[in-house]
Amino acid sequence: MTTDNDRDKDDAQRRYSIDMSWYQEQGRSFTVLASSRLCPTSRKKKTLKTDAALLTALSQCCSKSEGFISPNMPLMEMIFRLFLANGNEPLSLEEIQAGLQEKLRESTDPRDISIPKLRRIVDSDRYYGLRPVPPEDAGKPA
């Protein structure tokens, strides 16, 4: 029999990533969405033509910029940027929570970033393409 505590632990371990195929299925462009998050230095580069090059620039350069992830951003935008900052490696809800706690540490605005709340937010995403990673793929880059 599964208890609420077991379910919470399973939820916390559930891994997510940005599903690039979701953008194609929706007739949307990951490149357009992610490009708008580039820092001024990376915007000047003409070599960011592929999603992989874009993710590399975002994770290795832009994510280091002051304010790339800011406490005044909507929670889903912060979560999306956590994935951009880590090169879209799968993250568990616990890892997302830890990343958010770090960014919200100095904020005076209390926000609910409990595992159940994060799961509801991420599972209801219809804009950023965040999807659960099947358990057999959880260790592979997205």
Foldseek 3Di string as FASTA:
>chain_A
DDDPVNVLVVQQQFKKFFDCVVCVVVVHDPCVVLVVLADPVVVPDPPCPDPQSSLCRLQVPSVPDPPSQAPVDPLVSNLLSVCSNVSGQIDGLNRSLVSVCVRCVPPPDDDDSRSVVVSVVQVPDDDRRMDTDPPVCNRPHD
